[in-house]
Amino acid sequence: MKKKIIRNFIISSAIIWGAVLIYVAYILKGTDFKNDVTGIIAGGIIFHLLFLWIPLGKQLQSKNNDNK
């Protein structure tokens, strides 16, 4: 896998988690919404795993299988 693609995945991951944390801070501003925050963070985790790291893992695995 090219370094540029891996770099893009890492940058995308940072952007997603930055957005999730900013949104959490916005929700918590002067309020007590523990359940809402848990849902937002869980959604971020699911999105992160499904759309970034699972495809990256599959690409790395296929590359390793091609090299054998």
Foldseek 3Di string as FASTA:
>chain_A
DDPVVVVVLVVVLVVLVVVLVVVLCVVVVVDDDPVVNVVSVVVSVVCNVPVRVVVVVVVVVVVVVVVD
